[in-house]
Amino acid sequence: MKQHLVCAAAELALDADPAGPDAALFGPQLPRLAAALRSRGLLAPHPHSKPGAPGLLYYSGPNENATRGVTLRTIDPEHVSIVNEANKEVIEQV
């Protein structure tokens, strides 16, 4: 989920307020995850944020492209393997 928050903040300012609109999308863990990403230097307060408030955050990480290395498959922890029954080889994992 953290990777997806970073990508979202790179696209558009992320509202880390638990009562804000992004909490409906990212769930109640949003403020905690946003704080962890801020401490790692991946998110920073947006210039229009109020000091001391959870407020708006934007991507401030070291990479020009926040999405580099992020896969959509990490959004769901459950994986399903497609197995060739003839030789038990894993063909794909989704």
C-alpha atoms as a PDB file:
ATOM      1  CA  MET A   1       0.000   0.000   0.000  1.00  0.00           C
ATOM      2  CA  LYS A   2       2.850   2.393   0.784  1.00  0.00           C
ATOM      3  CA  GLN A   3       4.109   2.224  -2.786  1.00  0.00           C
ATOM      4  CA  HIS A   4       0.686   3.147  -4.081  1.00  0.00           C
ATOM      5  CA  LEU A   5       0.436   6.127  -1.739  1.00  0.00           C
ATOM      6  CA  VAL A   6       3.766   7.404  -3.057  1.00  0.00           C
ATOM      7  CA  CYS A   7       2.528   7.058  -6.642  1.00  0.00           C
ATOM      8  CA  ALA A   8      -0.781   8.729  -5.813  1.00  0.00           C
ATOM      9  CA  ALA A   9       1.038  11.668  -4.199  1.00  0.00           C
ATOM     10  CA  ALA A  10       3.213  12.015  -7.304  1.00  0.00           C
ATOM     11  CA  GLU A  11       0.080  12.355  -9.437  1.00  0.00           C
ATOM     12  CA  LEU A  12      -1.918  14.681  -7.192  1.00  0.00           C
ATOM     13  CA  ALA A  13      -1.526  16.034  -3.662  1.00  0.00           C
ATOM     14  CA  LEU A  14      -2.534  13.393  -1.125  1.00  0.00           C
ATOM     15  CA  ASP A  15      -4.813  14.432   1.738  1.00  0.00           C
ATOM     16  CA  ALA A  16      -3.574  12.550   4.825  1.00  0.00           C
ATOM     17  CA  ASP A  17      -6.357  13.864   7.061  1.00  0.00           C
ATOM     18  CA  PRO A  18      -8.303  10.863   8.459  1.00  0.00           C
ATOM     19  CA  ALA A  19     -11.535  12.754   7.722  1.00  0.00           C
ATOM     20  CA  GLY A  20     -10.356  13.801   4.252  1.00  0.00           C
ATOM     21  CA  PRO A  21     -11.500  12.384   0.920  1.00  0.00           C
ATOM     22  CA  ASP A  22      -8.416  10.189   0.413  1.00  0.00           C
ATOM     23  CA  ALA A  23      -9.138   8.275   3.628  1.00  0.00           C
ATOM     24  CA  ALA A  24     -12.208   6.852   1.883  1.00  0.00           C
ATOM     25  CA  LEU A  25      -9.906   5.419  -0.802  1.00  0.00           C
ATOM     26  CA  PHE A  26      -6.910   4.324   1.269  1.00  0.00           C
ATOM     27  CA  GLY A  27      -8.618   3.441   4.540  1.00  0.00           C
ATOM     28  CA  PRO A  28      -8.026   4.286   8.188  1.00  0.00           C
ATOM     29  CA  GLN A  29      -4.325   3.401   7.975  1.00  0.00           C
ATOM     30  CA  LEU A  30      -3.678   6.396   5.680  1.00  0.00           C
ATOM     31  CA  PRO A  31      -2.385   8.811   8.371  1.00  0.00           C
ATOM     32  CA  ARG A  32      -0.024   6.186   9.821  1.00  0.00           C
ATOM     33  CA  LEU A  33       1.310   5.154   6.417  1.00  0.00           C
ATOM     34  CA  ALA A  34       1.698   8.774   5.289  1.00  0.00           C
ATOM     35  CA  ALA A  35       3.665   9.569   8.458  1.00  0.00           C
ATOM     36  CA  ALA A  36       5.982   6.621   7.805  1.00  0.00           C
ATOM     37  CA  LEU A  37       6.559   7.787   4.231  1.00  0.00           C
ATOM     38  CA  ARG A  38       7.240  11.333   5.444  1.00  0.00           C
ATOM     39  CA  SER A  39       9.880  10.022   7.858  1.00  0.00           C
ATOM     40  CA  ARG A  40      11.557   8.199   4.938  1.00  0.00           C
ATOM     41  CA  GLY A  41      11.614  11.407   2.864  1.00  0.00           C
ATOM     42  CA  LEU A  42       9.195  10.097   0.249  1.00  0.00           C
ATOM     43  CA  LEU A  43       6.353  12.504   1.078  1.00  0.00           C
ATOM     44  CA  ALA A  44       6.526  16.141   2.185  1.00  0.00           C
ATOM     45  CA  PRO A  45       3.971  18.783   3.122  1.00  0.00           C
ATOM     46  CA  HIS A  46       2.452  20.484   0.119  1.00  0.00           C
ATOM     47  CA  PRO A  47       3.056  24.262   0.002  1.00  0.00           C
ATOM     48  CA  HIS A  48      -0.693  24.815   0.544  1.00  0.00           C
ATOM     49  CA  SER A  49      -0.805  22.660   3.705  1.00  0.00           C
ATOM     50  CA  LYS A  50      -1.472  24.185   7.085  1.00  0.00           C
ATOM     51  CA  PRO A  51       1.525  23.771   9.427  1.00  0.00           C
ATOM     52  CA  GLY A  52       1.007  21.014  11.990  1.00  0.00           C
ATOM     53  CA  ALA A  53      -2.053  19.556  10.240  1.00  0.00           C
ATOM     54  CA  PRO A  54      -1.954  16.168   8.467  1.00  0.00           C
ATOM     55  CA  GLY A  55      -2.922  18.099   5.357  1.00  0.00           C
ATOM     56  CA  LEU A  56      -1.773  17.742   1.815  1.00  0.00           C
ATOM     57  CA  LEU A  57       1.347  15.797   0.928  1.00  0.00           C
ATOM     58  CA  TYR A  58       3.251  15.440  -2.306  1.00  0.00           C
ATOM     59  CA  TYR A  59       5.959  13.088  -3.546  1.00  0.00           C
ATOM     60  CA  SER A  60       9.415  14.291  -2.539  1.00  0.00           C
ATOM     61  CA  GLY A  61      11.482  11.152  -3.066  1.00  0.00           C
ATOM     62  CA  PRO A  62      14.827  10.862  -4.834  1.00  0.00           C
ATOM     63  CA  ASN A  63      13.548   9.417  -8.116  1.00  0.00           C
ATOM     64  CA  GLU A  64      12.216  11.598 -10.882  1.00  0.00           C
ATOM     65  CA  ASN A  65       9.542   8.979 -11.550  1.00  0.00           C
ATOM     66  CA  ALA A  66       7.818   7.758  -8.382  1.00  0.00           C
ATOM     67  CA  THR A  67       6.292   4.803 -10.204  1.00  0.00           C
ATOM     68  CA  ARG A  68       9.612   3.232 -11.162  1.00  0.00           C
ATOM     69  CA  GLY A  69       9.818  -0.166  -9.550  1.00  0.00           C
ATOM     70  CA  VAL A  70       6.199  -0.226  -8.375  1.00  0.00           C
ATOM     71  CA  THR A  71       3.977  -3.037  -9.529  1.00  0.00           C
ATOM     72  CA  LEU A  72       0.215  -3.038  -9.291  1.00  0.00           C
ATOM     73  CA  ARG A  73       0.435  -6.620  -8.071  1.00  0.00           C
ATOM     74  CA  THR A  74       1.584  -5.394  -4.656  1.00  0.00           C
ATOM     75  CA  ILE A  75      -1.792  -3.867  -3.876  1.00  0.00           C
ATOM     76  CA  ASP A  76      -3.297  -7.211  -2.843  1.00  0.00           C
ATOM     77  CA  PRO A  77      -1.320  -9.531  -0.573  1.00  0.00           C
ATOM     78  CA  GLU A  78      -3.170 -12.595  -1.877  1.00  0.00           C
ATOM     79  CA  HIS A  79      -1.552 -14.285  -4.864  1.00  0.00           C
ATOM     80  CA  VAL A  80      -2.872 -17.032  -7.098  1.00  0.00           C
ATOM     81  CA  SER A  81      -0.539 -19.363  -8.958  1.00  0.00           C
ATOM     82  CA  ILE A  82      -1.367 -20.754 -12.385  1.00  0.00           C
ATOM     83  CA  VAL A  83       0.179 -24.212 -12.494  1.00  0.00           C
ATOM     84  CA  ASN A  84       0.736 -26.551 -15.411  1.00  0.00           C
ATOM     85  CA  GLU A  85      -0.896 -29.744 -14.082  1.00  0.00           C
ATOM     86  CA  ALA A  86       1.207 -31.952 -16.356  1.00  0.00           C
ATOM     87  CA  ASN A  87       4.559 -31.008 -14.818  1.00  0.00           C
ATOM     88  CA  LYS A  88       3.506 -28.904 -11.793  1.00  0.00           C
ATOM     89  CA  GLU A  89       5.421 -25.921 -13.190  1.00  0.00           C
ATOM     90  CA  VAL A  90       4.213 -22.482 -12.047  1.00  0.00           C
ATOM     91  CA  ILE A  91       3.337 -20.638 -15.246  1.00  0.00           C
ATOM     92  CA  GLU A  92       2.271 -17.335 -13.748  1.00  0.00           C
ATOM     93  CA  GLN A  93       1.488 -15.780 -10.402  1.00  0.00           C
ATOM     94  CA  VAL A  94      -1.226 -13.126 -10.140  1.00  0.00           C
END
